[in-house]
């Protein structure tokens, strides 16, 4: 079950990288937006990416837990 743990850790790492990239995108959107509506439009495009990265990270953590439980 070691392979499940390592694959889960890699998937979790991808999810965390995705979460960090969405944080950077939000920071750039806040700095470069001139008005409130423009910033909301940019943030609404980032929210699905944030949820996807969170889901990927969660799936990876579940794989790690399953690997530890079965191993």
PDB file of N, CA and C in Angstrom:
ATOM      1  N   UNK A   1       0.797  -1.194   0.000  1.00  0.00           N
ATOM      2  CA  UNK A   1       0.000   0.000   0.000  1.00  0.00           C
ATOM      3  C   UNK A   1       0.847   1.270   0.000  1.00  0.00           C
ATOM      4  N   UNK A   2       2.155   1.093  -0.011  1.00  0.00           N
ATOM      5  CA  UNK A   2       3.027   2.267  -0.037  1.00  0.00           C
ATOM      6  C   UNK A   2       2.806   3.104  -1.286  1.00  0.00           C
ATOM      7  N   UNK A   3       2.492   2.447  -2.409  1.00  0.00           N
ATOM      8  CA  UNK A   3       2.300   3.180  -3.655  1.00  0.00           C
ATOM      9  C   UNK A   3       1.070   4.088  -3.567  1.00  0.00           C
ATOM     10  N   UNK A   4       0.032   3.647  -2.863  1.00  0.00           N
ATOM     11  CA  UNK A   4      -1.167   4.474  -2.703  1.00  0.00           C
ATOM     12  C   UNK A   4      -0.844   5.711  -1.877  1.00  0.00           C
ATOM     13  N   UNK A   5      -0.006   5.538  -0.864  1.00  0.00           N
ATOM     14  CA  UNK A   5       0.381   6.672  -0.026  1.00  0.00           C
ATOM     15  C   UNK A   5       1.164   7.687  -0.851  1.00  0.00           C
ATOM     16  N   UNK A   6       2.121   7.222  -1.644  1.00  0.00           N
ATOM     17  CA  UNK A   6       2.943   8.146  -2.428  1.00  0.00           C
ATOM     18  C   UNK A   6       2.142   8.823  -3.541  1.00  0.00           C
ATOM     19  N   UNK A   7       1.260   8.079  -4.168  1.00  0.00           N
ATOM     20  CA  UNK A   7       0.411   8.691  -5.198  1.00  0.00           C
ATOM     21  C   UNK A   7      -0.517   9.719  -4.552  1.00  0.00           C
ATOM     22  N   UNK A   8      -1.087   9.393  -3.403  1.00  0.00           N
ATOM     23  CA  UNK A   8      -1.931  10.336  -2.689  1.00  0.00           C
ATOM     24  C   UNK A   8      -1.174  11.588  -2.275  1.00  0.00           C
ATOM     25  N   UNK A   9       0.066  11.403  -1.838  1.00  0.00           N
ATOM     26  CA  UNK A   9       0.880  12.560  -1.457  1.00  0.00           C
ATOM     27  C   UNK A   9       1.173  13.457  -2.667  1.00  0.00           C
ATOM     28  N   UNK A  10       1.434  12.830  -3.810  1.00  0.00           N
ATOM     29  CA  UNK A  10       1.695  13.606  -5.022  1.00  0.00           C
ATOM     30  C   UNK A  10       0.448  14.368  -5.470  1.00  0.00           C
ATOM     31  N   UNK A  11      -0.702  13.714  -5.401  1.00  0.00           N
ATOM     32  CA  UNK A  11      -1.955  14.367  -5.782  1.00  0.00           C
ATOM     33  C   UNK A  11      -2.258  15.513  -4.819  1.00  0.00           C
ATOM     34  N   UNK A  12      -2.014  15.284  -3.531  1.00  0.00           N
ATOM     35  CA  UNK A  12      -2.213  16.349  -2.548  1.00  0.00           C
ATOM     36  C   UNK A  12      -1.295  17.528  -2.823  1.00  0.00           C
ATOM     37  N   UNK A  13      -0.068  17.248  -3.175  1.00  0.00           N
ATOM     38  CA  UNK A  13       0.877  18.317  -3.495  1.00  0.00           C
ATOM     39  C   UNK A  13       0.403  19.117  -4.703  1.00  0.00           C
ATOM     40  N   UNK A  14      -0.135  18.445  -5.707  1.00  0.00           N
ATOM     41  CA  UNK A  14      -0.688  19.161  -6.863  1.00  0.00           C
ATOM     42  C   UNK A  14      -1.851  20.062  -6.442  1.00  0.00           C
ATOM     43  N   UNK A  15      -2.692  19.566  -5.562  1.00  0.00           N
ATOM     44  CA  UNK A  15      -3.807  20.366  -5.072  1.00  0.00           C
ATOM     45  C   UNK A  15      -3.341  21.583  -4.294  1.00  0.00           C
ATOM     46  N   UNK A  16      -2.335  21.409  -3.470  1.00  0.00           N
ATOM     47  CA  UNK A  16      -1.804  22.533  -2.687  1.00  0.00           C
ATOM     48  C   UNK A  16      -1.156  23.561  -3.603  1.00  0.00           C
ATOM     49  N   UNK A  17      -0.466  23.101  -4.628  1.00  0.00           N
ATOM     50  CA  UNK A  17       0.111  24.031  -5.607  1.00  0.00           C
ATOM     51  C   UNK A  17      -0.996  24.799  -6.314  1.00  0.00           C
ATOM     52  N   UNK A  18      -2.081  24.113  -6.637  1.00  0.00           N
ATOM     53  CA  UNK A  18      -3.220  24.794  -7.245  1.00  0.00           C
ATOM     54  C   UNK A  18      -3.830  25.826  -6.319  1.00  0.00           C
ATOM     55  N   UNK A  19      -3.939  25.499  -5.041  1.00  0.00           N
ATOM     56  CA  UNK A  19      -4.466  26.456  -4.073  1.00  0.00           C
ATOM     57  C   UNK A  19      -3.566  27.678  -3.953  1.00  0.00           C
ATOM     58  N   UNK A  20      -2.267  27.448  -3.942  1.00  0.00           N
ATOM     59  CA  UNK A  20      -1.341  28.586  -3.855  1.00  0.00           C
ATOM     60  C   UNK A  20      -1.415  29.452  -5.105  1.00  0.00           C
ATOM     61  N   UNK A  21      -1.595  28.827  -6.262  1.00  0.00           N
ATOM     62  CA  UNK A  21      -1.691  29.617  -7.484  1.00  0.00           C
ATOM     63  C   UNK A  21      -2.961  30.468  -7.509  1.00  0.00           C
ATOM     64  N   UNK A  22      -4.052  29.937  -6.932  1.00  0.00           N
ATOM     65  CA  UNK A  22      -5.270  30.754  -6.872  1.00  0.00           C
ATOM     66  C   UNK A  22      -5.093  31.924  -5.914  1.00  0.00           C
ATOM     67  N   UNK A  23      -4.332  31.733  -4.849  1.00  0.00           N
ATOM     68  CA  UNK A  23      -4.049  32.842  -3.934  1.00  0.00           C
ATOM     69  C   UNK A  23      -3.269  33.930  -4.656  1.00  0.00           C
ATOM     70  N   UNK A  24      -2.297  33.529  -5.460  1.00  0.00           N
ATOM     71  CA  UNK A  24      -1.512  34.498  -6.227  1.00  0.00           C
ATOM     72  C   UNK A  24      -2.399  35.213  -7.246  1.00  0.00           C
ATOM     73  N   UNK A  25      -3.296  34.469  -7.902  1.00  0.00           N
ATOM     74  CA  UNK A  25      -4.196  35.087  -8.881  1.00  0.00           C
ATOM     75  C   UNK A  25      -5.132  36.099  -8.219  1.00  0.00           C
ATOM     76  N   UNK A  26      -5.616  35.784  -7.039  1.00  0.00           N
ATOM     77  CA  UNK A  26      -6.489  36.720  -6.322  1.00  0.00           C
ATOM     78  C   UNK A  26      -5.714  37.977  -5.947  1.00  0.00           C
ATOM     79  N   UNK A  27      -4.492  37.815  -5.506  1.00  0.00           N
ATOM     80  CA  UNK A  27      -3.660  38.980  -5.179  1.00  0.00           C
ATOM     81  C   UNK A  27      -3.431  39.873  -6.382  1.00  0.00           C
ATOM     82  N   UNK A  28      -3.150  39.266  -7.521  1.00  0.00           N
ATOM     83  CA  UNK A  28      -2.954  40.049  -8.746  1.00  0.00           C
ATOM     84  C   UNK A  28      -4.243  40.729  -9.173  1.00  0.00           C
ATOM     85  N   UNK A  29      -5.370  40.044  -9.009  1.00  0.00           N
ATOM     86  CA  UNK A  29      -6.660  40.622  -9.390  1.00  0.00           C
ATOM     87  C   UNK A  29      -6.992  41.823  -8.508  1.00  0.00           C
ATOM     88  N   UNK A  30      -6.676  41.738  -7.234  1.00  0.00           N
ATOM     89  CA  UNK A  30      -6.964  42.850  -6.333  1.00  0.00           C
ATOM     90  C   UNK A  30      -6.080  44.055  -6.639  1.00  0.00           C
ATOM     91  N   UNK A  31      -4.833  43.801  -7.003  1.00  0.00           N
ATOM     92  CA  UNK A  31      -3.923  44.904  -7.295  1.00  0.00           C
ATOM     93  C   UNK A  31      -4.240  45.590  -8.620  1.00  0.00           C
ATOM     94  N   UNK A  32      -4.645  44.812  -9.620  1.00  0.00           N
ATOM     95  CA  UNK A  32      -4.796  45.373 -10.962  1.00  0.00           C
ATOM     96  C   UNK A  32      -6.212  45.835 -11.286  1.00  0.00           C
ATOM     97  N   UNK A  33      -7.190  45.522 -10.445  1.00  0.00           N
ATOM     98  CA  UNK A  33      -8.564  45.908 -10.741  1.00  0.00           C
ATOM     99  C   UNK A  33      -8.786  47.374 -10.385  1.00  0.00           C
ATOM    100  N   UNK A  34      -9.394  48.077 -11.319  1.00  0.00           N
ATOM    101  CA  UNK A  34      -9.639  49.498 -11.095  1.00  0.00           C
ATOM    102  C   UNK A  34     -10.975  49.743 -10.411  1.00  0.00           C
ATOM    103  N   UNK A  35     -11.948  48.886 -10.657  1.00  0.00           N
ATOM    104  CA  UNK A  35     -13.239  49.064  -9.997  1.00  0.00           C
ATOM    105  C   UNK A  35     -13.724  47.736  -9.414  1.00  0.00           C
ATOM    106  N   UNK A  36     -14.805  47.832  -8.657  1.00  0.00           N
ATOM    107  CA  UNK A  36     -15.310  46.674  -7.925  1.00  0.00           C
ATOM    108  C   UNK A  36     -15.889  45.604  -8.850  1.00  0.00           C
ATOM    109  N   UNK A  37     -16.557  46.012  -9.885  1.00  0.00           N
ATOM    110  CA  UNK A  37     -17.173  45.042 -10.806  1.00  0.00           C
ATOM    111  C   UNK A  37     -16.131  44.231 -11.560  1.00  0.00           C
ATOM    112  N   UNK A  38     -15.059  44.876 -11.958  1.00  0.00           N
ATOM    113  CA  UNK A  38     -13.981  44.172 -12.675  1.00  0.00           C
ATOM    114  C   UNK A  38     -13.339  43.133 -11.760  1.00  0.00           C
ATOM    115  N   UNK A  39     -13.123  43.518 -10.487  1.00  0.00           N
ATOM    116  CA  UNK A  39     -12.524  42.586  -9.552  1.00  0.00           C
ATOM    117  C   UNK A  39     -13.463  41.398  -9.293  1.00  0.00           C
ATOM    118  N   UNK A  40     -14.753  41.648  -9.165  1.00  0.00           N
ATOM    119  CA  UNK A  40     -15.705  40.557  -8.956  1.00  0.00           C
ATOM    120  C   UNK A  40     -15.724  39.599 -10.143  1.00  0.00           C
ATOM    121  N   UNK A  41     -15.636  40.137 -11.342  1.00  0.00           N
ATOM    122  CA  UNK A  41     -15.625  39.281 -12.530  1.00  0.00           C
ATOM    123  C   UNK A  41     -14.391  38.382 -12.545  1.00  0.00           C
ATOM    124  N   UNK A  42     -13.256  38.947 -12.177  1.00  0.00           N
ATOM    125  CA  UNK A  42     -12.033  38.132 -12.133  1.00  0.00           C
ATOM    126  C   UNK A  42     -12.106  37.075 -11.040  1.00  0.00           C
ATOM    127  N   UNK A  43     -12.618  37.469  -9.876  1.00  0.00           N
ATOM    128  CA  UNK A  43     -12.699  36.515  -8.771  1.00  0.00           C
ATOM    129  C   UNK A  43     -13.683  35.399  -9.073  1.00  0.00           C
ATOM    130  N   UNK A  44     -14.757  35.699  -9.803  1.00  0.00           N
ATOM    131  CA  UNK A  44     -15.711  34.656 -10.158  1.00  0.00           C
ATOM    132  C   UNK A  44     -15.108  33.631 -11.108  1.00  0.00           C
ATOM    133  N   UNK A  45     -14.104  34.024 -11.873  1.00  0.00           N
ATOM    134  CA  UNK A  45     -13.407  33.068 -12.739  1.00  0.00           C
ATOM    135  C   UNK A  45     -12.416  32.216 -11.949  1.00  0.00           C
ATOM    136  N   UNK A  46     -11.935  32.743 -10.840  1.00  0.00           N
ATOM    137  CA  UNK A  46     -10.935  32.039 -10.042  1.00  0.00           C
ATOM    138  C   UNK A  46     -11.584  31.037  -9.093  1.00  0.00           C
ATOM    139  N   UNK A  47     -12.799  31.303  -8.655  1.00  0.00           N
ATOM    140  CA  UNK A  47     -13.464  30.448  -7.666  1.00  0.00           C
ATOM    141  C   UNK A  47     -13.568  28.984  -8.123  1.00  0.00           C
ATOM    142  N   UNK A  48     -13.967  28.682  -9.364  1.00  0.00           N
ATOM    143  CA  UNK A  48     -14.006  27.262  -9.755  1.00  0.00           C
ATOM    144  C   UNK A  48     -12.637  26.581  -9.720  1.00  0.00           C
ATOM    145  N   UNK A  49     -11.591  27.327 -10.067  1.00  0.00           N
ATOM    146  CA  UNK A  49     -10.245  26.752  -9.991  1.00  0.00           C
ATOM    147  C   UNK A  49      -9.871  26.464  -8.539  1.00  0.00           C
ATOM    148  N   UNK A  50     -10.290  27.344  -7.639  1.00  0.00           N
ATOM    149  CA  UNK A  50     -10.015  27.137  -6.221  1.00  0.00           C
ATOM    150  C   UNK A  50     -10.722  25.885  -5.710  1.00  0.00           C
ATOM    151  N   UNK A  51     -11.996  25.721  -6.060  1.00  0.00           N
ATOM    152  CA  UNK A  51     -12.727  24.529  -5.642  1.00  0.00           C
ATOM    153  C   UNK A  51     -12.124  23.263  -6.243  1.00  0.00           C
ATOM    154  N   UNK A  52     -11.700  23.326  -7.487  1.00  0.00           N
ATOM    155  CA  UNK A  52     -11.092  22.154  -8.119  1.00  0.00           C
ATOM    156  C   UNK A  52      -9.785  21.781  -7.421  1.00  0.00           C
ATOM    157  N   UNK A  53      -8.964  22.769  -7.109  1.00  0.00           N
ATOM    158  CA  UNK A  53      -7.706  22.498  -6.416  1.00  0.00           C
ATOM    159  C   UNK A  53      -7.970  21.929  -5.028  1.00  0.00           C
ATOM    160  N   UNK A  54      -8.986  22.439  -4.357  1.00  0.00           N
ATOM    161  CA  UNK A  54      -9.338  21.918  -3.042  1.00  0.00           C
ATOM    162  C   UNK A  54      -9.810  20.474  -3.143  1.00  0.00           C
ATOM    163  N   UNK A  55     -10.592  20.157  -4.166  1.00  0.00           N
ATOM    164  CA  UNK A  55     -11.074  18.794  -4.359  1.00  0.00           C
ATOM    165  C   UNK A  55      -9.923  17.843  -4.662  1.00  0.00           C
ATOM    166  N   UNK A  56      -8.991  18.266  -5.495  1.00  0.00           N
ATOM    167  CA  UNK A  56      -7.832  17.430  -5.823  1.00  0.00           C
ATOM    168  C   UNK A  56      -7.017  17.156  -4.564  1.00  0.00           C
ATOM    169  N   UNK A  57      -6.818  18.183  -3.767  1.00  0.00           N
ATOM    170  CA  UNK A  57      -6.071  18.016  -2.527  1.00  0.00           C
ATOM    171  C   UNK A  57      -6.793  17.067  -1.574  1.00  0.00           C
ATOM    172  N   UNK A  58      -8.102  17.188  -1.494  1.00  0.00           N
ATOM    173  CA  UNK A  58      -8.888  16.324  -0.613  1.00  0.00           C
ATOM    174  C   UNK A  58      -8.821  14.867  -1.081  1.00  0.00           C
ATOM    175  N   UNK A  59      -8.910  14.635  -2.379  1.00  0.00           N
ATOM    176  CA  UNK A  59      -8.825  13.269  -2.911  1.00  0.00           C
ATOM    177  C   UNK A  59      -7.455  12.669  -2.609  1.00  0.00           C
ATOM    178  N   UNK A  60      -6.417  13.477  -2.748  1.00  0.00           N
ATOM    179  CA  UNK A  60      -5.078  12.995  -2.420  1.00  0.00           C
ATOM    180  C   UNK A  60      -4.934  12.637  -0.955  1.00  0.00           C
ATOM    181  N   UNK A  61      -5.492  13.469  -0.086  1.00  0.00           N
ATOM    182  CA  UNK A  61      -5.423  13.159   1.344  1.00  0.00           C
ATOM    183  C   UNK A  61      -6.218  11.911   1.683  1.00  0.00           C
ATOM    184  N   UNK A  62      -7.351  11.717   1.013  1.00  0.00           N
ATOM    185  CA  UNK A  62      -8.120  10.497   1.237  1.00  0.00           C
ATOM    186  C   UNK A  62      -7.329   9.271   0.795  1.00  0.00           C
ATOM    187  N   UNK A  63      -6.606   9.388  -0.310  1.00  0.00           N
ATOM    188  CA  UNK A  63      -5.777   8.269  -0.759  1.00  0.00           C
ATOM    189  C   UNK A  63      -4.681   7.960   0.241  1.00  0.00           C
ATOM    190  N   UNK A  64      -4.099   8.977   0.824  1.00  0.00           N
ATOM    191  CA  UNK A  64      -3.071   8.760   1.841  1.00  0.00           C
ATOM    192  C   UNK A  64      -3.670   8.048   3.048  1.00  0.00           C
ATOM    193  N   UNK A  65      -4.838   8.492   3.488  1.00  0.00           N
ATOM    194  CA  UNK A  65      -5.481   7.866   4.643  1.00  0.00           C
ATOM    195  C   UNK A  65      -5.836   6.413   4.345  1.00  0.00           C
ATOM    196  N   UNK A  66      -6.352   6.144   3.151  1.00  0.00           N
ATOM    197  CA  UNK A  66      -6.673   4.760   2.773  1.00  0.00           C
ATOM    198  C   UNK A  66      -5.396   3.914   2.739  1.00  0.00           C
ATOM    199  N   UNK A  67      -4.336   4.462   2.185  1.00  0.00           N
ATOM    200  CA  UNK A  67      -3.071   3.723   2.128  1.00  0.00           C
ATOM    201  C   UNK A  67      -2.520   3.411   3.505  1.00  0.00           C
ATOM    202  N   UNK A  68      -2.647   4.364   4.431  1.00  0.00           N
ATOM    203  CA  UNK A  68      -2.170   4.131   5.788  1.00  0.00           C
ATOM    204  C   UNK A  68      -3.057   3.113   6.498  1.00  0.00           C
ATOM    205  N   UNK A  69      -4.371   3.220   6.285  1.00  0.00           N
ATOM    206  CA  UNK A  69      -5.293   2.313   6.955  1.00  0.00           C
ATOM    207  C   UNK A  69      -5.129   0.869   6.470  1.00  0.00           C
ATOM    208  N   UNK A  70      -4.896   0.693   5.186  1.00  0.00           N
ATOM    209  CA  UNK A  70      -4.764  -0.652   4.653  1.00  0.00           C
ATOM    210  C   UNK A  70      -3.364  -1.226   4.794  1.00  0.00           C
ATOM    211  N   UNK A  71      -2.398  -0.352   5.013  1.00  0.00           N
ATOM    212  CA  UNK A  71      -1.007  -0.807   5.082  1.00  0.00           C
ATOM    213  C   UNK A  71      -0.611  -1.077   6.434  1.00  0.00           C
TER     214      UNK A  71
END
